[in-house]
PDB file of N, CA and C in Angstrom:
ATOM      1  N   MET A   1      18.820  -8.844  11.463  1.00  0.00           N
ATOM      2  CA  MET A   1      18.418  -7.561  12.070  1.00  0.00           C
ATOM      3  C   MET A   1      17.164  -7.358  11.798  1.00  0.00           C
ATOM      4  N   PRO A   2      16.042  -7.263  13.350  1.00  0.00           N
ATOM      5  CA  PRO A   2      15.273  -7.685  13.473  1.00  0.00           C
ATOM      6  C   PRO A   2      14.038  -6.303  11.933  1.00  0.00           C
ATOM      7  N   HIS A   3      13.301  -6.500  11.868  1.00  0.00           N
ATOM      8  CA  HIS A   3      11.738  -5.944  11.349  1.00  0.00           C
ATOM      9  C   HIS A   3      10.723  -5.397  11.340  1.00  0.00           C
ATOM     10  N   TYR A   4      10.940  -4.403  10.725  1.00  0.00           N
ATOM     11  CA  TYR A   4       9.583  -3.544  11.162  1.00  0.00           C
ATOM     12  C   TYR A   4       8.929  -3.253   9.989  1.00  0.00           C
ATOM     13  N   LEU A   5       6.923  -3.425   9.845  1.00  0.00           N
ATOM     14  CA  LEU A   5       6.282  -2.186   9.034  1.00  0.00           C
ATOM     15  C   LEU A   5       6.052  -1.340   9.738  1.00  0.00           C
ATOM     16  N   SER A   6       6.123  -0.203   8.979  1.00  0.00           N
ATOM     17  CA  SER A   6       5.610   1.306   9.449  1.00  0.00           C
ATOM     18  C   SER A   6       5.145   1.649   8.225  1.00  0.00           C
ATOM     19  N   GLN A   7       4.003   1.912   8.655  1.00  0.00           N
ATOM     20  CA  GLN A   7       2.407   2.425   8.309  1.00  0.00           C
ATOM     21  C   GLN A   7       2.116   3.708   8.740  1.00  0.00           C
ATOM     22  N   VAL A   8       2.177   4.308   7.563  1.00  0.00           N
ATOM     23  CA  VAL A   8       2.124   6.297   7.376  1.00  0.00           C
ATOM     24  C   VAL A   8       0.879   6.702   6.975  1.00  0.00           C
ATOM     25  N   ALA A   9      -0.102   7.779   8.030  1.00  0.00           N
ATOM     26  CA  ALA A   9      -0.524   8.339   7.398  1.00  0.00           C
ATOM     27  C   ALA A   9      -0.579   9.656   7.197  1.00  0.00           C
ATOM     28  N   TYR A  10      -0.342  10.542   6.405  1.00  0.00           N
ATOM     29  CA  TYR A  10      -0.413  11.754   6.610  1.00  0.00           C
ATOM     30  C   TYR A  10      -1.288  12.734   6.877  1.00  0.00           C
ATOM     31  N   SER A  11      -0.784  13.757   7.767  1.00  0.00           N
ATOM     32  CA  SER A  11      -1.323  14.435   8.201  1.00  0.00           C
ATOM     33  C   SER A  11      -2.490  15.988   6.927  1.00  0.00           C
ATOM     34  N   ARG A  12      -3.317  16.366   6.809  1.00  0.00           N
ATOM     35  CA  ARG A  12      -3.611  17.228   6.046  1.00  0.00           C
ATOM     36  C   ARG A  12      -2.790  18.590   5.738  1.00  0.00           C
ATOM     37  N   GLU A  13      -2.087  18.626   6.880  1.00  0.00           N
ATOM     38  CA  GLU A  13      -0.770  19.746   6.718  1.00  0.00           C
ATOM     39  C   GLU A  13       0.194  19.211   5.979  1.00  0.00           C
ATOM     40  N   GLY A  14       0.733  18.066   6.054  1.00  0.00           N
ATOM     41  CA  GLY A  14       1.446  16.962   5.486  1.00  0.00           C
ATOM     42  C   GLY A  14       0.690  16.519   3.869  1.00  0.00           C
ATOM     43  N   TRP A  15      -0.283  16.931   3.443  1.00  0.00           N
ATOM     44  CA  TRP A  15      -0.245  16.935   2.262  1.00  0.00           C
ATOM     45  C   TRP A  15      -0.208  17.787   1.633  1.00  0.00           C
ATOM     46  N   GLN A  16      -0.572  18.539   1.767  1.00  0.00           N
ATOM     47  CA  GLN A  16      -0.770  20.288   1.832  1.00  0.00           C
ATOM     48  C   GLN A  16       0.804  20.691   0.873  1.00  0.00           C
ATOM     49  N   ALA A  17       1.919  20.043   2.530  1.00  0.00           N
ATOM     50  CA  ALA A  17       2.924  20.225   1.311  1.00  0.00           C
ATOM     51  C   ALA A  17       3.874  20.177   0.584  1.00  0.00           C
ATOM     52  N   LEU A  18       3.701  17.865   0.370  1.00  0.00           N
ATOM     53  CA  LEU A  18       3.762  17.145  -0.651  1.00  0.00           C
ATOM     54  C   LEU A  18       3.403  17.878  -2.049  1.00  0.00           C
ATOM     55  N   LEU A  19       1.855  18.192  -2.269  1.00  0.00           N
ATOM     56  CA  LEU A  19       1.378  19.100  -2.922  1.00  0.00           C
ATOM     57  C   LEU A  19       2.330  20.058  -3.161  1.00  0.00           C
ATOM     58  N   ALA A  20       2.105  21.721  -2.870  1.00  0.00           N
ATOM     59  CA  ALA A  20       3.401  22.462  -2.687  1.00  0.00           C
ATOM     60  C   ALA A  20       4.464  21.979  -3.114  1.00  0.00           C
ATOM     61  N   ASN A  21       4.874  20.873  -3.246  1.00  0.00           N
ATOM     62  CA  ASN A  21       6.729  20.722  -3.114  1.00  0.00           C
ATOM     63  C   ASN A  21       6.389  19.002  -3.379  1.00  0.00           C
ATOM     64  N   PRO A  22       5.970  18.369  -3.824  1.00  0.00           N
ATOM     65  CA  PRO A  22       6.632  17.202  -4.692  1.00  0.00           C
ATOM     66  C   PRO A  22       7.816  16.928  -4.418  1.00  0.00           C
ATOM     67  N   GLN A  23       7.716  15.625  -3.360  1.00  0.00           N
ATOM     68  CA  GLN A  23       9.316  14.831  -3.148  1.00  0.00           C
ATOM     69  C   GLN A  23       8.857  13.694  -3.208  1.00  0.00           C
ATOM     70  N   ASP A  24      10.429  12.563  -3.444  1.00  0.00           N
ATOM     71  CA  ASP A  24      10.396  11.774  -3.148  1.00  0.00           C
ATOM     72  C   ASP A  24      10.539  11.856  -1.325  1.00  0.00           C
ATOM     73  N   ARG A  25       9.318  11.514  -0.413  1.00  0.00           N
ATOM     74  CA  ARG A  25       9.587  11.267   1.181  1.00  0.00           C
ATOM     75  C   ARG A  25      10.559  10.685   1.510  1.00  0.00           C
ATOM     76  N   ILE A  26      10.857   9.186   0.756  1.00  0.00           N
ATOM     77  CA  ILE A  26      11.267   8.073   1.441  1.00  0.00           C
ATOM     78  C   ILE A  26      12.858   8.900   1.694  1.00  0.00           C
ATOM     79  N   GLU A  27      13.418   8.984   0.011  1.00  0.00           N
ATOM     80  CA  GLU A  27      14.883   9.497  -0.040  1.00  0.00           C
ATOM     81  C   GLU A  27      14.739  10.309   0.998  1.00  0.00           C
ATOM     82  N   ALA A  28      13.830  11.545   1.567  1.00  0.00           N
ATOM     83  CA  ALA A  28      14.273  12.011   2.749  1.00  0.00           C
ATOM     84  C   ALA A  28      14.707  11.944   4.012  1.00  0.00           C
ATOM     85  N   VAL A  29      13.782  10.438   4.588  1.00  0.00           N
ATOM     86  CA  VAL A  29      13.760   9.897   5.510  1.00  0.00           C
ATOM     87  C   VAL A  29      15.415   9.028   5.691  1.00  0.00           C
ATOM     88  N   ARG A  30      15.691   8.430   4.343  1.00  0.00           N
ATOM     89  CA  ARG A  30      16.702   7.429   4.557  1.00  0.00           C
ATOM     90  C   ARG A  30      17.771   7.979   5.487  1.00  0.00           C
ATOM     91  N   PRO A  31      18.230   9.003   5.636  1.00  0.00           N
ATOM     92  CA  PRO A  31      19.277   9.979   5.876  1.00  0.00           C
ATOM     93  C   PRO A  31      19.134   9.298   7.929  1.00  0.00           C
ATOM     94  N   ALA A  32      18.177   9.922   8.060  1.00  0.00           N
ATOM     95  CA  ALA A  32      17.716   9.196   9.637  1.00  0.00           C
ATOM     96  C   ALA A  32      17.354   8.137  10.746  1.00  0.00           C
ATOM     97  N   VAL A  33      16.795   7.275   8.985  1.00  0.00           N
ATOM     98  CA  VAL A  33      16.601   5.895   9.702  1.00  0.00           C
ATOM     99  C   VAL A  33      17.930   4.970  10.244  1.00  0.00           C
ATOM    100  N   GLU A  34      19.334   5.622   8.691  1.00  0.00           N
ATOM    101  CA  GLU A  34      20.268   4.633   8.326  1.00  0.00           C
ATOM    102  C   GLU A  34      21.257   5.749   9.893  1.00  0.00           C
ATOM    103  N   LYS A  35      21.065   7.180  10.162  1.00  0.00           N
ATOM    104  CA  LYS A  35      21.623   7.638  11.617  1.00  0.00           C
ATOM    105  C   LYS A  35      21.242   6.376  13.044  1.00  0.00           C
ATOM    106  N   LEU A  36      19.828   5.845  12.410  1.00  0.00           N
ATOM    107  CA  LEU A  36      19.702   5.227  13.934  1.00  0.00           C
ATOM    108  C   LEU A  36      19.813   3.706  13.716  1.00  0.00           C
ATOM    109  N   GLY A  37      20.283   3.575  12.676  1.00  0.00           N
ATOM    110  CA  GLY A  37      21.250   2.089  12.401  1.00  0.00           C
ATOM    111  C   GLY A  37      20.548   1.382  11.494  1.00  0.00           C
ATOM    112  N   GLY A  38      19.561   2.102  10.489  1.00  0.00           N
ATOM    113  CA  GLY A  38      18.526   0.841  10.407  1.00  0.00           C
ATOM    114  C   GLY A  38      18.357   1.096   8.428  1.00  0.00           C
ATOM    115  N   LYS A  39      18.132   0.480   8.061  1.00  0.00           N
ATOM    116  CA  LYS A  39      17.905   0.089   6.472  1.00  0.00           C
ATOM    117  C   LYS A  39      16.541   0.602   5.758  1.00  0.00           C
ATOM    118  N   ILE A  40      15.977   0.109   5.215  1.00  0.00           N
ATOM    119  CA  ILE A  40      14.576   0.877   4.044  1.00  0.00           C
ATOM    120  C   ILE A  40      14.895  -0.516   3.370  1.00  0.00           C
ATOM    121  N   LYS A  41      14.288  -1.289   3.683  1.00  0.00           N
ATOM    122  CA  LYS A  41      13.838  -2.189   2.782  1.00  0.00           C
ATOM    123  C   LYS A  41      13.385  -2.489   1.479  1.00  0.00           C
ATOM    124  N   SER A  42      12.880  -1.632   1.749  1.00  0.00           N
ATOM    125  CA  SER A  42      11.299  -1.256   0.526  1.00  0.00           C
ATOM    126  C   SER A  42      10.050  -0.840   0.946  1.00  0.00           C
ATOM    127  N   ALA A  43       9.645   0.019   0.033  1.00  0.00           N
ATOM    128  CA  ALA A  43       8.721   1.451   0.874  1.00  0.00           C
ATOM    129  C   ALA A  43       7.649   1.208  -0.487  1.00  0.00           C
ATOM    130  N   TRP A  44       6.042   1.571  -0.262  1.00  0.00           N
ATOM    131  CA  TRP A  44       4.933   2.156  -1.252  1.00  0.00           C
ATOM    132  C   TRP A  44       4.454   3.008  -0.850  1.00  0.00           C
ATOM    133  N   PHE A  45       3.858   4.045  -1.666  1.00  0.00           N
ATOM    134  CA  PHE A  45       2.639   4.490  -1.163  1.00  0.00           C
ATOM    135  C   PHE A  45       1.489   3.956  -1.823  1.00  0.00           C
ATOM    136  N   ALA A  46       0.388   4.435  -0.521  1.00  0.00           N
ATOM    137  CA  ALA A  46      -1.443   2.827  -0.706  1.00  0.00           C
ATOM    138  C   ALA A  46      -2.023   3.831  -0.825  1.00  0.00           C
ATOM    139  N   PHE A  47      -3.375   3.552  -0.835  1.00  0.00           N
ATOM    140  CA  PHE A  47      -5.058   3.930  -0.843  1.00  0.00           C
ATOM    141  C   PHE A  47      -5.211   3.109   0.441  1.00  0.00           C
ATOM    142  N   GLY A  48      -6.212   4.031   0.999  1.00  0.00           N
ATOM    143  CA  GLY A  48      -6.240   3.236   2.041  1.00  0.00           C
ATOM    144  C   GLY A  48      -6.046   4.105   3.097  1.00  0.00           C
ATOM    145  N   ASP A  49      -5.574   3.425   4.871  1.00  0.00           N
ATOM    146  CA  ASP A  49      -5.942   4.351   5.942  1.00  0.00           C
ATOM    147  C   ASP A  49      -4.252   4.357   6.018  1.00  0.00           C
ATOM    148  N   TYR A  50      -3.391   4.228   5.309  1.00  0.00           N
ATOM    149  CA  TYR A  50      -2.280   4.513   5.458  1.00  0.00           C
ATOM    150  C   TYR A  50      -1.975   4.742   3.638  1.00  0.00           C
ATOM    151  N   ASP A  51      -0.871   6.008   3.665  1.00  0.00           N
ATOM    152  CA  ASP A  51      -0.123   6.466   2.861  1.00  0.00           C
ATOM    153  C   ASP A  51       0.440   6.390   2.449  1.00  0.00           C
ATOM    154  N   VAL A  52       1.690   5.124   3.489  1.00  0.00           N
ATOM    155  CA  VAL A  52       2.915   5.181   3.017  1.00  0.00           C
ATOM    156  C   VAL A  52       3.273   3.973   4.000  1.00  0.00           C
ATOM    157  N   ILE A  53       3.388   3.131   3.277  1.00  0.00           N
ATOM    158  CA  ILE A  53       4.185   1.813   4.072  1.00  0.00           C
ATOM    159  C   ILE A  53       5.525   1.044   3.628  1.00  0.00           C
ATOM    160  N   VAL A  54       6.085   1.460   4.671  1.00  0.00           N
ATOM    161  CA  VAL A  54       8.041   0.854   4.751  1.00  0.00           C
ATOM    162  C   VAL A  54       8.255  -0.414   5.697  1.00  0.00           C
ATOM    163  N   ILE A  55       9.122  -1.258   5.444  1.00  0.00           N
ATOM    164  CA  ILE A  55       9.424  -2.088   6.101  1.00  0.00           C
ATOM    165  C   ILE A  55      10.987  -1.374   5.861  1.00  0.00           C
ATOM    166  N   LEU A  56      11.271  -1.865   7.478  1.00  0.00           N
ATOM    167  CA  LEU A  56      12.155  -1.418   7.981  1.00  0.00           C
ATOM    168  C   LEU A  56      13.446  -2.307   8.523  1.00  0.00           C
ATOM    169  N   GLU A  57      14.287  -2.449   8.751  1.00  0.00           N
ATOM    170  CA  GLU A  57      15.628  -3.221   9.506  1.00  0.00           C
ATOM    171  C   GLU A  57      16.026  -2.308  10.002  1.00  0.00           C
ATOM    172  N   MET A  58      15.631  -2.545  11.484  1.00  0.00           N
ATOM    173  CA  MET A  58      16.643  -1.903  12.602  1.00  0.00           C
ATOM    174  C   MET A  58      16.801  -2.372  13.388  1.00  0.00           C
ATOM    175  N   PRO A  59      17.874  -2.261  13.798  1.00  0.00           N
ATOM    176  CA  PRO A  59      18.621  -2.835  14.910  1.00  0.00           C
ATOM    177  C   PRO A  59      18.193  -3.379  16.530  1.00  0.00           C
ATOM    178  N   ASP A  60      17.537  -2.144  16.618  1.00  0.00           N
ATOM    179  CA  ASP A  60      16.548  -3.112  18.097  1.00  0.00           C
ATOM    180  C   ASP A  60      15.269  -2.532  18.007  1.00  0.00           C
ATOM    181  N   ASN A  61      13.618  -3.046  19.029  1.00  0.00           N
ATOM    182  CA  ASN A  61      12.581  -2.181  19.116  1.00  0.00           C
ATOM    183  C   ASN A  61      12.751  -0.369  19.616  1.00  0.00           C
ATOM    184  N   VAL A  62      14.017  -0.175  20.087  1.00  0.00           N
ATOM    185  CA  VAL A  62      14.687   0.921  20.871  1.00  0.00           C
ATOM    186  C   VAL A  62      14.556   2.326  19.983  1.00  0.00           C
ATOM    187  N   SER A  63      15.404   1.025  18.749  1.00  0.00           N
ATOM    188  CA  SER A  63      15.876   2.494  17.647  1.00  0.00           C
ATOM    189  C   SER A  63      14.161   1.919  16.758  1.00  0.00           C
ATOM    190  N   ALA A  64      13.523   1.335  16.776  1.00  0.00           N
ATOM    191  CA  ALA A  64      12.183   1.620  16.048  1.00  0.00           C
ATOM    192  C   ALA A  64      11.276   2.156  16.565  1.00  0.00           C
ATOM    193  N   ALA A  65      11.270   2.162  17.863  1.00  0.00           N
ATOM    194  CA  ALA A  65      10.547   3.643  18.039  1.00  0.00           C
ATOM    195  C   ALA A  65      10.939   4.680  18.045  1.00  0.00           C
ATOM    196  N   ALA A  66      12.153   4.976  17.853  1.00  0.00           N
ATOM    197  CA  ALA A  66      12.666   6.137  17.611  1.00  0.00           C
ATOM    198  C   ALA A  66      12.591   6.641  16.715  1.00  0.00           C
ATOM    199  N   ILE A  67      12.609   5.527  16.262  1.00  0.00           N
ATOM    200  CA  ILE A  67      11.905   6.953  14.173  1.00  0.00           C
ATOM    201  C   ILE A  67      10.345   7.098  14.323  1.00  0.00           C
ATOM    202  N   ALA A  68       9.574   5.822  14.453  1.00  0.00           N
ATOM    203  CA  ALA A  68       8.087   6.157  14.590  1.00  0.00           C
ATOM    204  C   ALA A  68       8.035   7.731  15.638  1.00  0.00           C
ATOM    205  N   ILE A  69       8.616   7.561  16.286  1.00  0.00           N
ATOM    206  CA  ILE A  69       8.322   8.927  17.008  1.00  0.00           C
ATOM    207  C   ILE A  69       8.583  10.263  16.295  1.00  0.00           C
ATOM    208  N   ALA A  70      10.364  10.052  16.179  1.00  0.00           N
ATOM    209  CA  ALA A  70      10.386  11.343  15.147  1.00  0.00           C
ATOM    210  C   ALA A  70       9.143  11.066  14.255  1.00  0.00           C
ATOM    211  N   PHE A  71       8.994  10.287  12.713  1.00  0.00           N
ATOM    212  CA  PHE A  71       8.451   9.944  11.990  1.00  0.00           C
ATOM    213  C   PHE A  71       7.059  10.899  12.901  1.00  0.00           C
ATOM    214  N   ALA A  72       6.007  10.271  13.304  1.00  0.00           N
ATOM    215  CA  ALA A  72       4.989  11.065  14.442  1.00  0.00           C
ATOM    216  C   ALA A  72       5.402  12.759  15.366  1.00  0.00           C
ATOM    217  N   GLY A  73       5.921  12.975  15.224  1.00  0.00           N
ATOM    218  CA  GLY A  73       6.559  13.898  16.058  1.00  0.00           C
ATOM    219  C   GLY A  73       6.395  15.132  15.181  1.00  0.00           C
ATOM    220  N   GLY A  74       7.016  15.117  14.060  1.00  0.00           N
ATOM    221  CA  GLY A  74       6.923  16.348  13.460  1.00  0.00           C
ATOM    222  C   GLY A  74       6.355  16.879  12.575  1.00  0.00           C
ATOM    223  N   GLY A  75       4.607  16.929  12.398  1.00  0.00           N
ATOM    224  CA  GLY A  75       3.627  16.832  12.322  1.00  0.00           C
ATOM    225  C   GLY A  75       2.651  17.011  11.024  1.00  0.00           C
ATOM    226  N   ALA A  76       3.846  16.168  10.665  1.00  0.00           N
ATOM    227  CA  ALA A  76       3.585  15.937   8.928  1.00  0.00           C
ATOM    228  C   ALA A  76       2.469  14.152   8.646  1.00  0.00           C
ATOM    229  N   CYS A  77       2.550  13.263   9.713  1.00  0.00           N
ATOM    230  CA  CYS A  77       1.845  12.981  10.062  1.00  0.00           C
ATOM    231  C   CYS A  77       0.689  12.752  11.349  1.00  0.00           C
ATOM    232  N   LYS A  78      -0.340  12.466  10.535  1.00  0.00           N
ATOM    233  CA  LYS A  78      -1.694  12.171  11.560  1.00  0.00           C
ATOM    234  C   LYS A  78      -1.262  10.697  12.268  1.00  0.00           C
ATOM    235  N   SER A  79      -0.941   9.383  11.515  1.00  0.00           N
ATOM    236  CA  SER A  79      -0.971   8.032  12.196  1.00  0.00           C
ATOM    237  C   SER A  79      -0.210   7.951  11.984  1.00  0.00           C
ATOM    238  N   VAL A  80       1.441   6.990  12.813  1.00  0.00           N
ATOM    239  CA  VAL A  80       2.289   5.944  12.676  1.00  0.00           C
ATOM    240  C   VAL A  80       2.292   4.973  13.279  1.00  0.00           C
ATOM    241  N   GLN A  81       1.871   3.936  12.752  1.00  0.00           N
ATOM    242  CA  GLN A  81       1.798   2.406  12.683  1.00  0.00           C
ATOM    243  C   GLN A  81       2.870   1.501  12.816  1.00  0.00           C
ATOM    244  N   THR A  82       3.998   1.023  13.875  1.00  0.00           N
ATOM    245  CA  THR A  82       4.719   0.186  13.287  1.00  0.00           C
ATOM    246  C   THR A  82       4.334  -1.234  14.527  1.00  0.00           C
ATOM    247  N   THR A  83       4.884  -2.321  13.604  1.00  0.00           N
ATOM    248  CA  THR A  83       4.689  -3.444  13.600  1.00  0.00           C
ATOM    249  C   THR A  83       5.900  -4.870  13.963  1.00  0.00           C
ATOM    250  N   PRO A  84       6.342  -4.967  14.558  1.00  0.00           N
ATOM    251  CA  PRO A  84       7.511  -5.467  14.475  1.00  0.00           C
ATOM    252  C   PRO A  84       7.397  -7.020  13.874  1.00  0.00           C
ATOM    253  N   LEU A  85       8.081  -7.791  12.963  1.00  0.00           N
ATOM    254  CA  LEU A  85       7.865  -9.021  11.860  1.00  0.00           C
ATOM    255  C   LEU A  85       8.448 -10.120  12.215  1.00  0.00           C
ATOM    256  N   MET A  86       8.293 -11.082  11.948  1.00  0.00           N
ATOM    257  CA  MET A  86       8.755 -12.283  12.022  1.00  0.00           C
ATOM    258  C   MET A  86       9.319 -13.300  10.938  1.00  0.00           C
ATOM    259  N   SER A  87      10.679 -13.742  10.806  1.00  0.00           N
ATOM    260  CA  SER A  87      10.686 -14.105   9.591  1.00  0.00           C
ATOM    261  C   SER A  87       9.835 -15.311   9.467  1.00  0.00           C
ATOM    262  N   VAL A  88       9.328 -16.305   8.430  1.00  0.00           N
ATOM    263  CA  VAL A  88       8.897 -17.572   8.786  1.00  0.00           C
ATOM    264  C   VAL A  88       9.595 -18.500   9.529  1.00  0.00           C
ATOM    265  N   GLN A  89      10.424 -18.550   9.666  1.00  0.00           N
ATOM    266  CA  GLN A  89      11.349 -19.413  10.618  1.00  0.00           C
ATOM    267  C   GLN A  89      11.304 -19.268  12.099  1.00  0.00           C
ATOM    268  N   GLU A  90      11.011 -18.014  12.277  1.00  0.00           N
ATOM    269  CA  GLU A  90      10.913 -17.555  13.898  1.00  0.00           C
ATOM    270  C   GLU A  90       9.839 -17.500  14.367  1.00  0.00           C
ATOM    271  N   ALA A  91       8.786 -17.497  13.532  1.00  0.00           N
ATOM    272  CA  ALA A  91       7.485 -18.258  13.596  1.00  0.00           C
ATOM    273  C   ALA A  91       6.816 -19.806  14.151  1.00  0.00           C
ATOM    274  N   VAL A  92       7.809 -20.613  13.210  1.00  0.00           N
ATOM    275  CA  VAL A  92       7.894 -21.840  12.934  1.00  0.00           C
ATOM    276  C   VAL A  92       8.200 -22.496  14.871  1.00  0.00           C
ATOM    277  N   GLN A  93       8.789 -21.529  14.876  1.00  0.00           N
ATOM    278  CA  GLN A  93      10.354 -21.659  16.510  1.00  0.00           C
ATOM    279  C   GLN A  93       9.077 -21.289  17.310  1.00  0.00           C
ATOM    280  N   ALA A  94       8.430 -20.130  17.127  1.00  0.00           N
ATOM    281  CA  ALA A  94       7.535 -19.808  17.939  1.00  0.00           C
ATOM    282  C   ALA A  94       6.533 -20.501  18.380  1.00  0.00           C
ATOM    283  N   MET A  95       5.282 -21.076  17.069  1.00  0.00           N
ATOM    284  CA  MET A  95       4.733 -22.487  17.375  1.00  0.00           C
ATOM    285  C   MET A  95       4.865 -23.785  18.189  1.00  0.00           C
ATOM    286  N   LYS A  96       6.817 -23.808  17.787  1.00  0.00           N
ATOM    287  CA  LYS A  96       6.811 -25.495  18.701  1.00  0.00           C
ATOM    288  C   LYS A  96       7.357 -24.668  20.361  1.00  0.00           C
ATOM    289  N   LYS A  97       7.545 -23.550  20.693  1.00  0.00           N
ATOM    290  CA  LYS A  97       8.057 -22.987  21.947  1.00  0.00           C
ATOM    291  C   LYS A  97       6.485 -23.404  22.775  1.00  0.00           C
ATOM    292  N   ALA A  98       5.734 -22.279  21.934  1.00  0.00           N
ATOM    293  CA  ALA A  98       3.748 -22.429  22.303  1.00  0.00           C
ATOM    294  C   ALA A  98       3.266 -23.868  22.543  1.00  0.00           C
ATOM    295  N   GLY A  99       3.290 -24.622  21.736  1.00  0.00           N
ATOM    296  CA  GLY A  99       3.387 -26.569  22.146  1.00  0.00           C
ATOM    297  C   GLY A  99       3.817 -27.028  23.005  1.00  0.00           C
ATOM    298  N   GLU A 100       4.986 -26.272  23.313  1.00  0.00           N
ATOM    299  CA  GLU A 100       5.909 -26.631  25.012  1.00  0.00           C
ATOM    300  C   GLU A 100       5.953 -25.960  26.022  1.00  0.00           C
ATOM    301  N   SER A 101       4.812 -24.753  26.054  1.00  0.00           N
ATOM    302  CA  SER A 101       4.589 -24.423  26.860  1.00  0.00           C
ATOM    303  C   SER A 101       4.176 -25.066  27.993  1.00  0.00           C
ATOM    304  N   GLY A 102       3.071 -25.410  28.039  1.00  0.00           N
ATOM    305  CA  GLY A 102       2.255 -26.468  29.048  1.00  0.00           C
ATOM    306  C   GLY A 102       0.996 -25.395  29.142  1.00  0.00           C
ATOM    307  N   TYR A 103       0.748 -24.520  28.253  1.00  0.00           N
ATOM    308  CA  TYR A 103      -0.093 -23.404  28.309  1.00  0.00           C
ATOM    309  C   TYR A 103      -1.474 -24.719  28.137  1.00  0.00           C
ATOM    310  N   ARG A 104      -2.477 -24.110  29.134  1.00  0.00           N
ATOM    311  CA  ARG A 104      -3.941 -25.083  28.810  1.00  0.00           C
ATOM    312  C   ARG A 104      -4.964 -23.917  28.860  1.00  0.00           C
ATOM    313  N   PRO A 105      -6.159 -23.709  28.560  1.00  0.00           N
ATOM    314  CA  PRO A 105      -6.781 -22.523  27.853  1.00  0.00           C
ATOM    315  C   PRO A 105      -8.023 -22.503  28.908  1.00  0.00           C
ATOM    316  N   ALA A 106      -8.786 -21.334  29.359  1.00  0.00           N
ATOM    317  CA  ALA A 106      -9.448 -22.323  30.561  1.00  0.00           C
ATOM    318  C   ALA A 106     -11.153 -22.650  29.653  1.00  0.00           C
ATOM    319  N   THR A 107     -10.970 -24.281  29.852  1.00  0.00           N
ATOM    320  CA  THR A 107     -12.478 -24.598  29.353  1.00  0.00           C
ATOM    321  C   THR A 107     -12.719 -25.648  30.406  1.00  0.00           C
ATOM    322  N   THR A 108     -13.688 -26.233  30.380  1.00  0.00           N
ATOM    323  CA  THR A 108     -14.181 -27.167  31.301  1.00  0.00           C
ATOM    324  C   THR A 108     -13.686 -28.073  31.551  1.00  0.00           C
ATOM    325  N   SER A 109     -12.576 -28.526  30.382  1.00  0.00           N
ATOM    326  CA  SER A 109     -11.687 -29.737  30.590  1.00  0.00           C
ATOM    327  C   SER A 109     -10.758 -29.598  31.412  1.00  0.00           C
ATOM    328  N   ALA A 110     -10.411 -28.727  31.099  1.00  0.00           N
ATOM    329  CA  ALA A 110      -9.421 -27.416  31.734  1.00  0.00           C
ATOM    330  C   ALA A 110      -9.614 -27.544  32.955  1.00  0.00           C
ATOM    331  N   ARG A 111     -10.915 -27.104  33.097  1.00  0.00           N
ATOM    332  CA  ARG A 111     -11.155 -26.485  34.651  1.00  0.00           C
ATOM    333  C   ARG A 111     -11.266 -28.462  35.415  1.00  0.00           C
ATOM    334  N   ALA A 112     -11.773 -28.681  35.132  1.00  0.00           N
ATOM    335  CA  ALA A 112     -11.969 -30.586  35.849  1.00  0.00           C
ATOM    336  C   ALA A 112     -10.263 -30.710  36.522  1.00  0.00           C
ATOM    337  N   ALA A 113      -9.321 -30.291  35.709  1.00  0.00           N
ATOM    338  CA  ALA A 113      -8.250 -30.881  35.858  1.00  0.00           C
ATOM    339  C   ALA A 113      -7.492 -30.510  37.082  1.00  0.00           C
TER     340      ALA A 113
END
């Protein structure tokens, strides 16, 4: 199954709710992820622009988008960013395909040909 990086930043209201009722939000969202056919592979709270980082395994892009929309639509998040991930093997395959694509950059030598 494809993997996705989900980065979530809580809104002020989201943080207020967690301060009033501290809880493990990873376990709270696990049923929604699983209902869409996915799995939470790992998760962390973080410093910086995003408060929560989650690696998800989802059946497809539509399912990954669905959980991102659910997170964003709930009101507790001010930002949700989802990034599709590739394995190292997939990246090497992509590099090989790129080399075989015949693409030529717009350079002086490319225009002359």
